[in-house]
Amino acid sequence: MIDGGFDRLVDQAWPAIHRVDVDGWVLRASGGVTKRANSVLPLGEQDDLRAAVERAEGFYADRGLPCAFSIGGGATPGLDAMLEARGYRTVDPTLVMTAGLPQGGARESGIEFAEAPSRAWLDTWWSVDGRSGADGLETAARILTGVPATYASFGREAVGRGVRQGEWFGIYSMAVLPRERRRGHGTRVLRALLSHARERREQGTQRAYLVVVESNTAARTLYERHGFTVTGRYHYRVR
């Protein structure tokens, strides 16, 4: 995929509630819920890079949010070094991993699919991934449902979300309750989502991708067992 391709896929699959496009940069804000939806997606060249950064800083200051940039393969040349010089710290180095779809196999038992997240699905996911407390759950739900998606669940123990994007199927929000880990529930949800994607091949879906924080070795091991390999990287720069 060309530089910036995965940056755009992730942006589309996790749409910020408020977006402003400025000369190829997308300034995203969602009440501080998730860095992905509260950071600049800085793609393409800028005639005046310093002025572009200062505009972004003003945008987030007006909203009472820290200014953050998502620095991926398509990021504006020279931006990362400039942000470092301005005192921005590196946060959450993240891997983009891709895999082919499985050729066949039986459906995973006990998995339920839905076109919208139930309260139980949200509670399971947020209990694992929620970083802004109970008050952020409503905003998080608005982000999730900003695009059509498939929501998989194994009871209340494990959940995941899949987004069909042309030839790609993005896997997001994989979460297993801590007390239920090491029992294969995450594997069940992942396999079910991949099988669901395979069944959409006639609609053009060919491959799957996901993003995972580099330090999450347990999740990376799970994904590697299912054929995912590292294809790209990104990180955040936070003021």
Protein backbone atom coordinates (compact mmCIF):
# COMPACT_ATOMS: atom_id res chain seq x y z
CA MET A 1 0.00 0.00 0.00
CA ILE A 2 1.26 3.48 -0.84
CA ASP A 3 2.44 5.77 1.94
CA GLY A 4 -0.50 7.20 3.80
CA GLY A 5 -2.83 4.41 2.72
CA PHE A 6 -3.10 2.82 6.15
CA ASP A 7 -3.21 6.25 7.76
CA ARG A 8 -6.37 6.93 5.78
CA LEU A 9 -7.88 3.51 6.42
CA VAL A 10 -7.47 3.90 10.17
CA ASP A 11 -8.89 7.41 10.01
CA GLN A 12 -11.94 6.20 8.08
CA ALA A 13 -12.55 3.22 10.35
CA TRP A 14 -12.31 5.32 13.52
CA PRO A 15 -13.98 8.60 12.49
CA ALA A 16 -13.58 11.60 14.75
CA ILE A 17 -16.77 13.42 15.68
CA HIS A 18 -15.36 16.81 14.69
CA ARG A 19 -13.07 17.15 11.68
CA VAL A 20 -11.52 20.14 9.96
CA ASP A 21 -9.56 19.71 6.73
CA VAL A 22 -6.78 22.28 6.32
CA ASP A 23 -4.46 21.99 3.31
CA GLY A 24 -4.33 18.21 3.45
CA TRP A 25 -4.16 17.93 7.23
CA VAL A 26 -7.18 16.64 9.13
CA LEU A 27 -7.64 18.15 12.60
CA ARG A 28 -9.71 15.68 14.62
CA ALA A 29 -11.46 16.17 17.95
CA SER A 30 -13.82 13.99 19.96
CA GLY A 31 -13.83 15.31 23.48
CA GLY A 32 -10.48 13.74 24.28
CA VAL A 33 -11.77 10.17 23.87
CA THR A 34 -8.96 8.14 22.21
CA LYS A 35 -5.86 9.74 20.71
CA ARG A 36 -6.83 8.42 17.30
CA ALA A 37 -9.91 10.66 17.24
CA ASN A 38 -8.17 13.62 18.92
CA SER A 39 -5.06 14.13 16.85
CA VAL A 40 -3.90 15.65 13.60
CA LEU A 41 -3.66 13.36 10.58
CA PRO A 42 -0.87 15.26 8.78
CA LEU A 43 -0.66 13.98 5.21
CA GLY A 44 1.11 15.61 2.28
CA GLU A 45 3.40 18.60 1.88
CA GLN A 46 2.97 21.96 3.59
CA ASP A 47 4.22 25.27 2.18
CA ASP A 48 4.81 26.60 5.70
CA LEU A 49 5.21 23.71 8.11
CA ARG A 50 5.69 25.85 11.20
CA ALA A 51 2.52 27.84 10.49
CA ALA A 52 0.58 24.59 9.94
CA VAL A 53 1.74 23.27 13.33
CA GLU A 54 0.78 26.52 15.02
CA ARG A 55 -2.70 26.39 13.46
CA ALA A 56 -3.12 22.89 14.81
CA GLU A 57 -1.94 23.97 18.26
CA GLY A 58 -4.52 26.74 18.25
CA PHE A 59 -7.28 24.33 17.19
CA TYR A 60 -6.68 22.04 20.17
CA ALA A 61 -6.05 24.88 22.62
CA ASP A 62 -9.47 26.30 21.74
CA ARG A 63 -11.00 22.93 22.71
CA GLY A 64 -9.01 22.46 25.90
CA LEU A 65 -7.20 19.44 24.47
CA PRO A 66 -3.49 18.65 24.19
CA CYS A 67 -2.18 18.99 20.66
CA ALA A 68 -1.27 15.58 19.25
CA PHE A 69 -0.14 14.33 15.84
CA SER A 70 -0.42 10.83 14.37
CA ILE A 71 2.88 10.21 12.56
CA GLY A 72 2.56 7.36 10.06
CA GLY A 73 3.98 6.43 6.70
CA GLY A 74 2.31 9.34 4.92
CA ALA A 75 3.16 12.05 7.45
CA THR A 76 4.39 15.40 6.13
CA PRO A 77 8.18 15.26 5.60
CA GLY A 78 10.12 16.99 8.36
CA LEU A 79 7.17 17.14 10.73
CA ASP A 80 8.33 14.54 13.23
CA ALA A 81 11.70 16.26 13.69
CA MET A 82 10.05 19.65 14.07
CA LEU A 83 7.67 18.37 16.72
CA GLU A 84 10.54 16.80 18.64
CA ALA A 85 12.36 20.13 18.56
CA ARG A 86 9.23 21.83 19.90
CA GLY A 87 9.17 19.50 22.90
CA TYR A 88 6.55 16.98 21.76
CA ARG A 89 7.03 13.53 23.27
CA THR A 90 6.61 10.21 21.47
CA VAL A 91 3.61 8.20 22.68
CA ASP A 92 2.29 4.71 21.86
CA PRO A 93 4.46 3.39 19.01
CA THR A 94 1.99 1.25 17.08
CA LEU A 95 2.28 -1.51 14.51
CA VAL A 96 0.12 -2.00 11.44
CA MET A 97 -0.24 -5.74 10.80
CA THR A 98 -1.79 -7.43 7.77
CA ALA A 99 -2.80 -10.96 6.79
CA GLY A 100 -4.56 -12.86 4.06
CA LEU A 101 -8.02 -14.19 4.77
CA PRO A 102 -8.43 -17.85 5.82
CA GLN A 103 -9.29 -20.29 3.06
CA GLY A 104 -11.97 -22.13 4.99
CA GLY A 105 -12.84 -23.80 8.23
CA ALA A 106 -15.80 -24.23 10.52
CA ARG A 107 -17.53 -21.25 12.04
CA GLU A 108 -16.63 -20.42 15.61
CA SER A 109 -19.33 -21.56 18.01
CA GLY A 110 -20.79 -19.14 20.51
CA ILE A 111 -19.99 -16.01 18.50
CA GLU A 112 -22.76 -13.50 17.87
CA PHE A 113 -22.64 -10.79 15.21
CA ALA A 114 -24.51 -7.51 15.17
CA GLU A 115 -24.54 -4.36 13.06
CA ALA A 116 -24.52 -2.11 16.12
CA PRO A 117 -22.80 -2.47 19.47
CA SER A 118 -25.07 -3.63 22.29
CA ARG A 119 -24.70 -2.20 25.75
CA ALA A 120 -23.07 -5.47 26.83
CA TRP A 121 -20.59 -5.23 23.93
CA LEU A 122 -19.73 -1.64 24.86
CA ASP A 123 -19.36 -2.48 28.54
CA THR A 124 -16.94 -5.32 27.80
CA TRP A 125 -14.83 -3.27 25.41
CA TRP A 126 -14.79 -0.15 27.59
CA SER A 127 -13.93 -2.09 30.73
CA VAL A 128 -10.72 -3.16 28.99
CA ASP A 129 -9.92 -0.25 26.68
CA GLY A 130 -11.66 2.72 28.28
CA ARG A 131 -9.13 5.34 29.31
CA SER A 132 -11.39 8.30 30.00
CA GLY A 133 -13.81 6.79 32.51
CA ALA A 134 -17.51 6.13 32.26
CA ASP A 135 -18.18 9.64 30.98
CA GLY A 136 -16.32 8.85 27.77
CA LEU A 137 -18.35 5.80 26.79
CA GLU A 138 -21.10 7.74 25.04
CA THR A 139 -18.54 9.61 22.95
CA ALA A 140 -16.70 6.37 22.22
CA ALA A 141 -19.94 4.80 20.99
CA ARG A 142 -20.46 7.75 18.62
CA ILE A 143 -16.98 7.20 17.20
CA LEU A 144 -17.52 3.47 16.72
CA THR A 145 -20.88 3.89 14.99
CA GLY A 146 -19.67 6.68 12.71
CA VAL A 147 -19.19 4.09 9.96
CA PRO A 148 -20.90 0.74 9.23
CA ALA A 149 -19.20 -2.08 11.10
CA THR A 150 -19.69 -5.62 12.36
CA TYR A 151 -19.64 -6.27 16.10
CA ALA A 152 -18.63 -9.74 17.27
CA SER A 153 -19.04 -11.00 20.81
CA PHE A 154 -18.42 -14.17 22.75
CA GLY A 155 -20.93 -13.68 25.53
CA ARG A 156 -19.71 -10.88 27.74
CA GLU A 157 -16.23 -12.33 27.86
CA ALA A 158 -14.71 -11.07 24.60
CA VAL A 159 -15.57 -8.68 21.77
CA GLY A 160 -14.20 -7.32 18.52
CA ARG A 161 -15.19 -4.99 15.67
CA GLY A 162 -14.68 -5.35 11.93
CA VAL A 163 -14.89 -2.64 9.27
CA ARG A 164 -15.09 -3.50 5.57
CA GLN A 165 -13.12 -0.96 3.50
CA GLY A 166 -12.98 -2.04 -0.12
CA GLU A 167 -10.33 -4.74 -0.43
CA TRP A 168 -9.44 -4.37 3.26
CA PHE A 169 -11.14 -5.58 6.42
CA GLY A 170 -10.05 -3.64 9.49
CA ILE A 171 -10.13 -5.38 12.87
CA TYR A 172 -10.59 -3.10 15.85
CA SER A 173 -11.58 -3.06 19.52
CA MET A 174 -10.41 -6.55 20.37
CA ALA A 175 -10.98 -6.95 24.11
CA VAL A 176 -11.13 -9.86 26.56
CA LEU A 177 -12.13 -9.39 30.18
CA PRO A 178 -9.05 -9.85 32.38
CA ARG A 179 -10.59 -12.70 34.37
CA GLU A 180 -11.38 -14.56 31.13
CA ARG A 181 -7.96 -14.38 29.50
CA ARG A 182 -5.87 -17.40 28.48
CA ARG A 183 -9.02 -19.36 27.68
CA GLY A 184 -9.02 -18.85 23.91
CA HIS A 185 -11.82 -16.28 23.81
CA GLY A 186 -9.78 -13.70 21.91
CA THR A 187 -8.82 -16.36 19.39
CA ARG A 188 -12.50 -17.23 18.88
CA VAL A 189 -13.45 -13.63 18.20
CA LEU A 190 -10.52 -13.03 15.85
CA ARG A 191 -11.20 -16.20 13.86
CA ALA A 192 -14.87 -15.33 13.63
CA LEU A 193 -14.13 -11.86 12.28
CA LEU A 194 -11.66 -13.23 9.73
CA SER A 195 -14.21 -15.81 8.60
CA HIS A 196 -16.82 -13.06 8.35
CA ALA A 197 -14.42 -11.09 6.12
CA ARG A 198 -13.75 -14.16 3.97
CA GLU A 199 -17.47 -14.52 3.32
CA ARG A 200 -17.41 -10.97 1.85
CA ARG A 201 -14.86 -11.81 -0.80
CA GLU A 202 -17.47 -11.47 -3.50
CA GLN A 203 -17.78 -7.84 -2.37
CA GLY A 204 -14.07 -7.30 -2.99
CA THR A 205 -12.65 -7.96 0.47
CA GLN A 206 -9.23 -9.58 0.08
CA ARG A 207 -7.07 -8.93 3.15
CA ALA A 208 -7.30 -7.96 6.80
CA TYR A 209 -5.36 -5.41 8.79
CA LEU A 210 -5.23 -4.29 12.40
CA VAL A 211 -3.24 -1.92 14.56
CA VAL A 212 -1.69 -2.86 17.89
CA VAL A 213 0.47 -0.95 20.35
CA GLU A 214 4.01 -2.26 19.95
CA SER A 215 4.37 -3.01 23.67
CA ASN A 216 1.31 -5.30 23.73
CA THR A 217 3.23 -8.53 23.25
CA ALA A 218 0.32 -10.80 24.19
CA ALA A 219 -1.91 -9.37 21.47
CA ARG A 220 0.92 -9.42 18.94
CA THR A 221 1.53 -13.09 19.65
CA LEU A 222 -2.15 -13.86 19.02
CA TYR A 223 -2.14 -11.98 15.74
CA GLU A 224 1.11 -13.55 14.56
CA ARG A 225 -0.34 -17.01 15.17
CA HIS A 226 -3.05 -16.10 12.67
CA GLY A 227 -0.65 -14.99 9.96
CA PHE A 228 -0.45 -11.27 10.64
CA THR A 229 2.87 -9.61 9.92
CA VAL A 230 4.09 -6.07 10.43
CA THR A 231 3.49 -3.90 7.38
CA GLY A 232 3.75 -0.38 8.79
CA ARG A 233 4.15 1.71 11.90
CA TYR A 234 2.97 4.94 13.40
CA HIS A 235 3.29 6.83 16.65
CA TYR A 236 1.87 9.91 18.27
CA ARG A 237 3.62 13.13 19.08
CA VAL A 238 1.90 14.82 22.03
CA ARG A 239 2.61 18.31 23.27
